[in-house]
Amino acid sequence: MKNPILVSTSFEDRRDAEKLVAILLKERLIACGQIAGPVTSSYWWKGSITTSTECILSMKTTAAQYERLEMAIRSNHPYEIPEIVAVPITSISDDYRVWMEQELAG
């Protein structure tokens, strides 16, 4: 598998994260999605510092899927400007890599 990546986004409502995971898995855009939290997020929003409780959705996929994945996240995310961050996975176990390849291929 070339260029595995870890993509994350955040949600105020866990149900929204669960809905997105189901969509992305069905479309084979991710091999796995994990929802963690709640976490406390503090950030600038429209000129003010805001603090909210969110959950984090972490997804495993490949760089080749990123553009389609980003479009699907944007289309199904309730936030005006969703966080969509991708980082390369520099090391991955052989068994997990093979499993990801199989799941993303369908």
C-alpha atoms as a PDB file:
ATOM      1  CA  MET A   1       0.000   0.000   0.000  1.00  0.00           C
ATOM      2  CA  LYS A   2       1.359   3.377  -0.954  1.00  0.00           C
ATOM      3  CA  ASN A   3       1.113   6.343   1.367  1.00  0.00           C
ATOM      4  CA  PRO A   4      -1.173   5.370   4.240  1.00  0.00           C
ATOM      5  CA  ILE A   5      -2.497   8.429   6.087  1.00  0.00           C
ATOM      6  CA  LEU A   6      -4.400   9.258   9.242  1.00  0.00           C
ATOM      7  CA  VAL A   7      -7.148  11.863   8.765  1.00  0.00           C
ATOM      8  CA  SER A   8      -8.981  13.532  11.630  1.00  0.00           C
ATOM      9  CA  THR A   9     -11.965  15.801  12.088  1.00  0.00           C
ATOM     10  CA  SER A  10     -14.038  16.891  15.063  1.00  0.00           C
ATOM     11  CA  PHE A  11     -17.744  17.024  15.892  1.00  0.00           C
ATOM     12  CA  GLU A  12     -19.884  18.600  18.574  1.00  0.00           C
ATOM     13  CA  ASP A  13     -22.371  15.720  18.372  1.00  0.00           C
ATOM     14  CA  ARG A  14     -21.105  12.125  18.478  1.00  0.00           C
ATOM     15  CA  ARG A  15     -24.083  10.983  16.363  1.00  0.00           C
ATOM     16  CA  ASP A  16     -22.812  13.141  13.483  1.00  0.00           C
ATOM     17  CA  ALA A  17     -19.437  11.390  13.699  1.00  0.00           C
ATOM     18  CA  GLU A  18     -21.132   7.982  13.724  1.00  0.00           C
ATOM     19  CA  LYS A  19     -23.193   8.888  10.639  1.00  0.00           C
ATOM     20  CA  LEU A  20     -20.101  10.055   8.772  1.00  0.00           C
ATOM     21  CA  VAL A  21     -18.150   6.893   9.629  1.00  0.00           C
ATOM     22  CA  ALA A  22     -20.960   4.772   8.215  1.00  0.00           C
ATOM     23  CA  ILE A  23     -21.002   6.767   4.961  1.00  0.00           C
ATOM     24  CA  LEU A  24     -17.232   6.663   4.527  1.00  0.00           C
ATOM     25  CA  LEU A  25     -16.966   2.942   5.257  1.00  0.00           C
ATOM     26  CA  LYS A  26     -19.783   2.148   2.832  1.00  0.00           C
ATOM     27  CA  GLU A  27     -18.018   4.168   0.115  1.00  0.00           C
ATOM     28  CA  ARG A  28     -14.695   2.417   0.947  1.00  0.00           C
ATOM     29  CA  LEU A  29     -13.009   5.792   1.474  1.00  0.00           C
ATOM     30  CA  ILE A  30     -11.635   4.654   4.841  1.00  0.00           C
ATOM     31  CA  ALA A  31     -10.602   1.292   6.221  1.00  0.00           C
ATOM     32  CA  CYS A  32     -11.289   2.274   9.821  1.00  0.00           C
ATOM     33  CA  GLY A  33     -12.800   5.133  11.792  1.00  0.00           C
ATOM     34  CA  GLN A  34     -12.381   5.662  15.527  1.00  0.00           C
ATOM     35  CA  ILE A  35     -14.414   8.124  17.588  1.00  0.00           C
ATOM     36  CA  ALA A  36     -12.768   9.390  20.780  1.00  0.00           C
ATOM     37  CA  GLY A  37     -13.859  11.841  23.378  1.00  0.00           C
ATOM     38  CA  PRO A  38     -15.300  13.925  24.718  1.00  0.00           C
ATOM     39  CA  VAL A  39     -12.421  16.385  24.507  1.00  0.00           C
ATOM     40  CA  THR A  40     -12.359  20.090  25.302  1.00  0.00           C
ATOM     41  CA  SER A  41     -11.436  22.267  22.336  1.00  0.00           C
ATOM     42  CA  SER A  42     -10.492  25.943  22.554  1.00  0.00           C
ATOM     43  CA  TYR A  43     -10.124  27.991  19.384  1.00  0.00           C
ATOM     44  CA  TRP A  44     -10.688  31.332  17.717  1.00  0.00           C
ATOM     45  CA  TRP A  45     -14.083  31.599  16.032  1.00  0.00           C
ATOM     46  CA  LYS A  46     -15.411  34.795  14.453  1.00  0.00           C
ATOM     47  CA  GLY A  47     -13.219  37.082  16.538  1.00  0.00           C
ATOM     48  CA  SER A  48     -13.663  35.406  19.930  1.00  0.00           C
ATOM     49  CA  ILE A  49     -12.001  32.599  21.824  1.00  0.00           C
ATOM     50  CA  THR A  50     -14.495  29.747  22.107  1.00  0.00           C
ATOM     51  CA  THR A  51     -14.416  26.557  24.151  1.00  0.00           C
ATOM     52  CA  SER A  52     -16.570  23.556  23.329  1.00  0.00           C
ATOM     53  CA  THR A  53     -16.862  19.848  24.002  1.00  0.00           C
ATOM     54  CA  GLU A  54     -16.240  17.728  20.920  1.00  0.00           C
ATOM     55  CA  CYS A  55     -15.378  14.211  19.840  1.00  0.00           C
ATOM     56  CA  ILE A  56     -12.549  13.388  17.455  1.00  0.00           C
ATOM     57  CA  LEU A  57     -12.964  11.102  14.469  1.00  0.00           C
ATOM     58  CA  SER A  58      -9.687   9.509  13.317  1.00  0.00           C
ATOM     59  CA  MET A  59      -9.702   7.661   9.995  1.00  0.00           C
ATOM     60  CA  LYS A  60      -7.180   5.412   8.255  1.00  0.00           C
ATOM     61  CA  THR A  61      -6.928   5.587   4.489  1.00  0.00           C
ATOM     62  CA  THR A  62      -4.394   6.346   1.742  1.00  0.00           C
ATOM     63  CA  ALA A  63      -3.191   9.580   0.183  1.00  0.00           C
ATOM     64  CA  ALA A  64      -4.802   8.442  -3.088  1.00  0.00           C
ATOM     65  CA  GLN A  65      -8.226   8.549  -1.375  1.00  0.00           C
ATOM     66  CA  TYR A  66      -7.684  11.929   0.306  1.00  0.00           C
ATOM     67  CA  GLU A  67      -9.398  14.242  -2.211  1.00  0.00           C
ATOM     68  CA  ARG A  68     -12.536  12.098  -2.389  1.00  0.00           C
ATOM     69  CA  LEU A  69     -12.501  11.684   1.395  1.00  0.00           C
ATOM     70  CA  GLU A  70     -12.193  15.433   1.965  1.00  0.00           C
ATOM     71  CA  MET A  71     -15.138  16.100  -0.373  1.00  0.00           C
ATOM     72  CA  ALA A  72     -17.252  13.489   1.426  1.00  0.00           C
ATOM     73  CA  ILE A  73     -16.388  14.964   4.832  1.00  0.00           C
ATOM     74  CA  ARG A  74     -17.261  18.493   3.655  1.00  0.00           C
ATOM     75  CA  SER A  75     -20.546  17.288   2.135  1.00  0.00           C
ATOM     76  CA  ASN A  76     -21.642  15.511   5.301  1.00  0.00           C
ATOM     77  CA  HIS A  77     -20.200  17.664   8.094  1.00  0.00           C
ATOM     78  CA  PRO A  78     -22.371  20.058  10.109  1.00  0.00           C
ATOM     79  CA  TYR A  79     -19.574  22.601  10.743  1.00  0.00           C
ATOM     80  CA  GLU A  80     -19.230  25.664   8.531  1.00  0.00           C
ATOM     81  CA  ILE A  81     -15.454  25.065   8.386  1.00  0.00           C
ATOM     82  CA  PRO A  82     -14.685  21.502   9.499  1.00  0.00           C
ATOM     83  CA  GLU A  83     -11.241  20.562  10.701  1.00  0.00           C
ATOM     84  CA  ILE A  84      -9.788  18.125   8.168  1.00  0.00           C
ATOM     85  CA  VAL A  85      -6.183  17.240   8.964  1.00  0.00           C
ATOM     86  CA  ALA A  86      -4.148  14.465   7.353  1.00  0.00           C
ATOM     87  CA  VAL A  87      -0.767  13.166   8.444  1.00  0.00           C
ATOM     88  CA  PRO A  88       1.337  10.428   6.862  1.00  0.00           C
ATOM     89  CA  ILE A  89       1.646   7.090   8.617  1.00  0.00           C
ATOM     90  CA  THR A  90       5.387   6.523   8.504  1.00  0.00           C
ATOM     91  CA  SER A  91       5.363   3.006   9.957  1.00  0.00           C
ATOM     92  CA  ILE A  92       2.652   0.368   9.868  1.00  0.00           C
ATOM     93  CA  SER A  93       2.624  -3.330  10.717  1.00  0.00           C
ATOM     94  CA  ASP A  94       2.516  -5.669   7.734  1.00  0.00           C
ATOM     95  CA  ASP A  95      -0.686  -7.390   8.862  1.00  0.00           C
ATOM     96  CA  TYR A  96      -2.518  -4.084   9.366  1.00  0.00           C
ATOM     97  CA  ARG A  97      -1.268  -2.765   6.014  1.00  0.00           C
ATOM     98  CA  VAL A  98      -2.577  -5.871   4.217  1.00  0.00           C
ATOM     99  CA  TRP A  99      -5.925  -5.559   6.005  1.00  0.00           C
ATOM    100  CA  MET A 100      -6.218  -1.885   5.011  1.00  0.00           C
ATOM    101  CA  GLU A 101      -5.429  -2.708   1.379  1.00  0.00           C
ATOM    102  CA  GLN A 102      -8.141  -5.368   1.302  1.00  0.00           C
ATOM    103  CA  GLU A 103     -10.769  -3.139   2.911  1.00  0.00           C
ATOM    104  CA  LEU A 104     -10.091  -0.108   0.727  1.00  0.00           C
ATOM    105  CA  ALA A 105     -10.169  -2.259  -2.412  1.00  0.00           C
ATOM    106  CA  GLY A 106     -13.557  -3.677  -1.481  1.00  0.00           C
END
